[in-house]
């Protein structure tokens, strides 16, 4: 058996990674985090899988974002309308 205790991606499929990132960030924010066209233009899990399987540098960026996001190392993302939060901050200063 090939145990990989230090590999956070061991046993995690690429499709699962994409689905969890989309659920967490949404396509629009995901495209800002990882600037690739399959996340920007008419995004889908199927097109993303096809691109990422053929493009190692992009897959590496997506996998790194996944590890950073779900290992507790990423900064928390604001919920709701970011403009609303910014306006509240401006009005309180």
N, C-alpha and C. Protein backbone atom coordinates (compact mmCIF):
# COMPACT_ATOMS: atom_id res chain seq x y z
N UNK A 1 0.84 -1.20 0.00
CA UNK A 1 0.00 0.00 0.00
C UNK A 1 0.88 1.25 0.00
N UNK A 2 0.49 2.26 -0.74
CA UNK A 2 1.26 3.49 -0.87
C UNK A 2 0.66 4.57 0.03
N UNK A 3 1.06 4.57 1.30
CA UNK A 3 0.55 5.58 2.24
C UNK A 3 1.26 6.90 2.01
N UNK A 4 0.51 7.97 2.11
CA UNK A 4 1.06 9.32 1.94
C UNK A 4 0.53 10.21 3.07
N UNK A 5 1.03 10.00 4.29
CA UNK A 5 0.48 10.73 5.42
C UNK A 5 0.70 12.24 5.36
N UNK A 6 1.70 12.70 4.63
CA UNK A 6 1.99 14.13 4.55
C UNK A 6 1.41 14.81 3.32
N UNK A 7 0.65 14.08 2.52
CA UNK A 7 0.07 14.64 1.30
C UNK A 7 -1.39 14.98 1.56
N UNK A 8 -1.73 16.27 1.68
CA UNK A 8 -3.11 16.65 1.97
C UNK A 8 -4.08 16.35 0.82
N UNK A 9 -3.56 16.07 -0.37
CA UNK A 9 -4.42 15.78 -1.52
C UNK A 9 -4.58 14.28 -1.76
N UNK A 10 -3.96 13.46 -0.93
CA UNK A 10 -4.05 12.02 -1.12
C UNK A 10 -5.50 11.56 -1.02
N UNK A 11 -5.98 10.92 -2.07
CA UNK A 11 -7.34 10.39 -2.10
C UNK A 11 -8.40 11.40 -2.51
N UNK A 12 -7.99 12.62 -2.82
CA UNK A 12 -8.95 13.66 -3.22
C UNK A 12 -8.89 13.79 -4.74
N UNK A 13 -10.03 13.62 -5.38
CA UNK A 13 -10.09 13.69 -6.85
C UNK A 13 -10.20 15.15 -7.30
N UNK A 14 -9.71 15.40 -8.50
CA UNK A 14 -9.74 16.75 -9.06
C UNK A 14 -11.17 17.29 -9.13
N UNK A 15 -12.11 16.46 -9.49
CA UNK A 15 -13.51 16.90 -9.56
C UNK A 15 -14.01 17.36 -8.19
N UNK A 16 -13.63 16.65 -7.15
CA UNK A 16 -14.02 17.03 -5.79
C UNK A 16 -13.39 18.38 -5.42
N UNK A 17 -12.14 18.58 -5.81
CA UNK A 17 -11.45 19.84 -5.53
C UNK A 17 -12.20 21.00 -6.18
N UNK A 18 -12.54 20.84 -7.45
CA UNK A 18 -13.25 21.92 -8.17
C UNK A 18 -14.60 22.18 -7.53
N UNK A 19 -15.37 21.12 -7.27
CA UNK A 19 -16.70 21.30 -6.68
C UNK A 19 -16.64 22.00 -5.33
N UNK A 20 -15.69 21.62 -4.49
CA UNK A 20 -15.59 22.25 -3.17
C UNK A 20 -15.15 23.71 -3.27
N UNK A 21 -14.24 24.00 -4.19
CA UNK A 21 -13.82 25.39 -4.37
C UNK A 21 -14.95 26.25 -4.92
N UNK A 22 -15.72 25.71 -5.85
CA UNK A 22 -16.86 26.46 -6.41
C UNK A 22 -17.92 26.68 -5.33
N UNK A 23 -18.17 25.68 -4.52
CA UNK A 23 -19.14 25.84 -3.42
C UNK A 23 -18.67 26.89 -2.43
N UNK A 24 -17.38 26.93 -2.19
CA UNK A 24 -16.83 27.86 -1.21
C UNK A 24 -16.72 29.29 -1.75
N UNK A 25 -16.17 29.43 -2.95
CA UNK A 25 -15.88 30.76 -3.51
C UNK A 25 -16.89 31.24 -4.54
N UNK A 26 -17.48 30.31 -5.30
CA UNK A 26 -18.28 30.69 -6.47
C UNK A 26 -17.34 30.89 -7.65
N UNK A 27 -17.88 30.77 -8.87
CA UNK A 27 -17.03 30.85 -10.07
C UNK A 27 -16.34 32.21 -10.19
N UNK A 28 -17.06 33.28 -9.90
CA UNK A 28 -16.50 34.63 -10.10
C UNK A 28 -15.29 34.86 -9.20
N UNK A 29 -15.41 34.54 -7.95
CA UNK A 29 -14.29 34.74 -7.03
C UNK A 29 -13.17 33.74 -7.31
N UNK A 30 -13.53 32.53 -7.70
CA UNK A 30 -12.53 31.52 -8.05
C UNK A 30 -11.68 31.99 -9.22
N UNK A 31 -12.31 32.65 -10.19
CA UNK A 31 -11.59 33.18 -11.35
C UNK A 31 -10.63 34.30 -10.94
N UNK A 32 -10.95 35.01 -9.86
CA UNK A 32 -10.03 36.04 -9.36
C UNK A 32 -8.87 35.40 -8.62
N UNK A 33 -9.12 34.32 -7.93
CA UNK A 33 -8.06 33.63 -7.18
C UNK A 33 -7.09 32.92 -8.12
N UNK A 34 -7.64 32.26 -9.14
CA UNK A 34 -6.83 31.54 -10.12
C UNK A 34 -7.26 32.04 -11.50
N UNK A 35 -6.47 32.89 -12.09
CA UNK A 35 -6.84 33.57 -13.33
C UNK A 35 -6.64 32.66 -14.55
N UNK A 36 -7.62 31.79 -14.76
CA UNK A 36 -7.61 30.95 -15.96
C UNK A 36 -8.98 31.05 -16.62
N UNK A 37 -9.00 30.98 -17.94
CA UNK A 37 -10.23 31.22 -18.69
C UNK A 37 -11.34 30.21 -18.40
N UNK A 38 -10.99 28.98 -18.06
CA UNK A 38 -12.05 28.00 -17.82
C UNK A 38 -12.86 28.36 -16.58
N UNK A 39 -12.35 29.26 -15.72
CA UNK A 39 -13.12 29.75 -14.58
C UNK A 39 -13.83 31.06 -14.90
N UNK A 40 -13.39 31.75 -15.94
CA UNK A 40 -13.94 33.07 -16.29
C UNK A 40 -15.06 33.00 -17.32
N UNK A 41 -14.80 32.30 -18.40
CA UNK A 41 -15.69 32.31 -19.55
C UNK A 41 -16.54 31.05 -19.60
N UNK A 42 -17.83 31.19 -19.35
CA UNK A 42 -18.77 30.07 -19.37
C UNK A 42 -18.25 28.89 -18.56
N UNK A 43 -18.01 29.09 -17.26
CA UNK A 43 -17.37 28.05 -16.45
C UNK A 43 -18.28 26.84 -16.20
N UNK A 44 -17.66 25.68 -16.17
CA UNK A 44 -18.34 24.46 -15.79
C UNK A 44 -17.31 23.50 -15.21
N UNK A 45 -17.78 22.56 -14.44
CA UNK A 45 -16.87 21.57 -13.86
C UNK A 45 -16.23 20.76 -14.98
N UNK A 46 -17.02 20.38 -15.98
CA UNK A 46 -16.52 19.55 -17.07
C UNK A 46 -15.39 20.25 -17.84
N UNK A 47 -15.59 21.52 -18.21
CA UNK A 47 -14.56 22.23 -18.96
C UNK A 47 -13.32 22.47 -18.10
N UNK A 48 -13.53 22.71 -16.82
CA UNK A 48 -12.41 22.92 -15.91
C UNK A 48 -11.58 21.64 -15.77
N UNK A 49 -12.26 20.51 -15.62
CA UNK A 49 -11.55 19.23 -15.53
C UNK A 49 -10.71 18.98 -16.76
N UNK A 50 -11.30 19.21 -17.92
CA UNK A 50 -10.60 18.98 -19.18
C UNK A 50 -9.33 19.83 -19.27
N UNK A 51 -9.46 21.12 -18.94
CA UNK A 51 -8.32 22.03 -19.01
C UNK A 51 -7.26 21.69 -17.97
N UNK A 52 -7.67 21.47 -16.73
CA UNK A 52 -6.71 21.24 -15.65
C UNK A 52 -5.96 19.93 -15.80
N UNK A 53 -6.59 18.93 -16.40
CA UNK A 53 -5.91 17.66 -16.62
C UNK A 53 -4.81 17.78 -17.67
N UNK A 54 -4.94 18.76 -18.56
CA UNK A 54 -3.94 18.95 -19.62
C UNK A 54 -2.92 20.03 -19.30
N UNK A 55 -3.13 20.78 -18.21
CA UNK A 55 -2.31 21.95 -17.93
C UNK A 55 -1.76 21.88 -16.50
N UNK A 56 -0.59 21.29 -16.34
CA UNK A 56 -0.04 21.07 -14.99
C UNK A 56 0.13 22.33 -14.14
N UNK A 57 0.56 23.45 -14.75
CA UNK A 57 0.77 24.66 -13.95
C UNK A 57 -0.53 25.18 -13.37
N UNK A 58 -1.62 25.08 -14.14
CA UNK A 58 -2.92 25.56 -13.67
C UNK A 58 -3.46 24.61 -12.59
N UNK A 59 -3.29 23.32 -12.81
CA UNK A 59 -3.75 22.34 -11.82
C UNK A 59 -3.02 22.56 -10.49
N UNK A 60 -1.73 22.84 -10.57
CA UNK A 60 -0.95 23.09 -9.35
C UNK A 60 -1.50 24.29 -8.58
N UNK A 61 -1.85 25.35 -9.29
CA UNK A 61 -2.41 26.54 -8.64
C UNK A 61 -3.75 26.22 -7.97
N UNK A 62 -4.59 25.45 -8.64
CA UNK A 62 -5.90 25.08 -8.09
C UNK A 62 -5.72 24.19 -6.86
N UNK A 63 -4.82 23.23 -6.95
CA UNK A 63 -4.57 22.34 -5.81
C UNK A 63 -4.01 23.12 -4.62
N UNK A 64 -3.13 24.07 -4.87
CA UNK A 64 -2.57 24.89 -3.80
C UNK A 64 -3.67 25.73 -3.14
N UNK A 65 -4.54 26.31 -3.94
CA UNK A 65 -5.66 27.09 -3.39
C UNK A 65 -6.55 26.19 -2.53
N UNK A 66 -6.81 24.97 -3.00
CA UNK A 66 -7.63 24.03 -2.25
C UNK A 66 -7.00 23.72 -0.89
N UNK A 67 -5.72 23.42 -0.89
CA UNK A 67 -5.03 23.09 0.36
C UNK A 67 -5.03 24.30 1.29
N UNK A 68 -4.72 25.47 0.75
CA UNK A 68 -4.70 26.69 1.57
C UNK A 68 -6.09 27.01 2.13
N UNK A 69 -7.11 26.81 1.32
CA UNK A 69 -8.47 27.14 1.73
C UNK A 69 -9.00 26.21 2.81
N UNK A 70 -8.77 24.93 2.65
CA UNK A 70 -9.40 23.96 3.54
C UNK A 70 -8.47 23.40 4.61
N UNK A 71 -7.26 23.94 4.72
CA UNK A 71 -6.37 23.50 5.79
C UNK A 71 -6.37 24.50 6.95
N UNK A 72 -7.10 25.59 6.79
CA UNK A 72 -7.16 26.59 7.84
C UNK A 72 -6.11 27.68 7.70
N UNK A 73 -5.35 27.68 6.60
CA UNK A 73 -4.30 28.69 6.39
C UNK A 73 -4.80 29.92 5.64
N UNK A 74 -5.94 29.83 5.00
CA UNK A 74 -6.42 30.94 4.18
C UNK A 74 -7.15 31.97 5.04
N UNK A 75 -7.10 33.20 4.58
CA UNK A 75 -7.85 34.25 5.25
C UNK A 75 -9.33 34.03 5.01
N UNK A 76 -10.17 34.26 6.01
CA UNK A 76 -11.61 34.05 5.81
C UNK A 76 -12.17 35.00 4.76
N UNK A 77 -13.08 34.49 3.96
CA UNK A 77 -13.69 35.29 2.91
C UNK A 77 -14.94 35.97 3.46
N UNK A 78 -15.15 37.23 3.12
CA UNK A 78 -16.34 37.93 3.60
C UNK A 78 -17.60 37.34 2.99
N UNK A 79 -18.63 37.27 3.79
CA UNK A 79 -19.91 36.78 3.28
C UNK A 79 -20.79 37.98 2.97
N UNK A 80 -21.72 37.77 2.07
CA UNK A 80 -22.62 38.84 1.70
C UNK A 80 -22.01 39.76 0.66
N UNK A 81 -22.53 40.95 0.58
CA UNK A 81 -22.11 41.94 -0.41
C UNK A 81 -20.85 42.66 0.08
N UNK A 82 -19.72 42.52 -0.63
CA UNK A 82 -18.50 43.17 -0.17
C UNK A 82 -18.58 44.69 -0.20
N UNK A 83 -19.38 45.25 -1.11
CA UNK A 83 -19.53 46.70 -1.18
C UNK A 83 -20.25 47.22 0.05
N UNK A 84 -21.19 46.46 0.54
CA UNK A 84 -21.94 46.85 1.73
C UNK A 84 -21.00 46.95 2.93
N UNK A 85 -20.13 45.96 3.09
CA UNK A 85 -19.17 45.96 4.19
C UNK A 85 -18.21 47.14 4.06
N UNK A 86 -17.75 47.42 2.84
CA UNK A 86 -16.83 48.53 2.62
C UNK A 86 -17.50 49.87 2.95
N UNK A 87 -18.76 50.02 2.56
CA UNK A 87 -19.49 51.26 2.83
C UNK A 87 -19.70 51.45 4.33
N UNK A 88 -20.00 50.38 5.05
CA UNK A 88 -20.16 50.47 6.50
C UNK A 88 -18.86 50.93 7.14
N UNK A 89 -17.75 50.37 6.67
CA UNK A 89 -16.45 50.74 7.22
C UNK A 89 -16.15 52.22 6.96
N UNK A 90 -16.44 52.68 5.74
CA UNK A 90 -16.20 54.08 5.41
C UNK A 90 -17.07 55.00 6.27
N UNK A 91 -18.30 54.64 6.49
CA UNK A 91 -19.22 55.47 7.26
C UNK A 91 -18.87 55.51 8.74
N UNK A 92 -18.22 54.47 9.21
CA UNK A 92 -17.85 54.44 10.63
C UNK A 92 -16.53 55.13 10.92
N UNK A 93 -15.74 55.38 9.90
CA UNK A 93 -14.41 56.02 10.10
C UNK A 93 -14.53 57.51 10.20
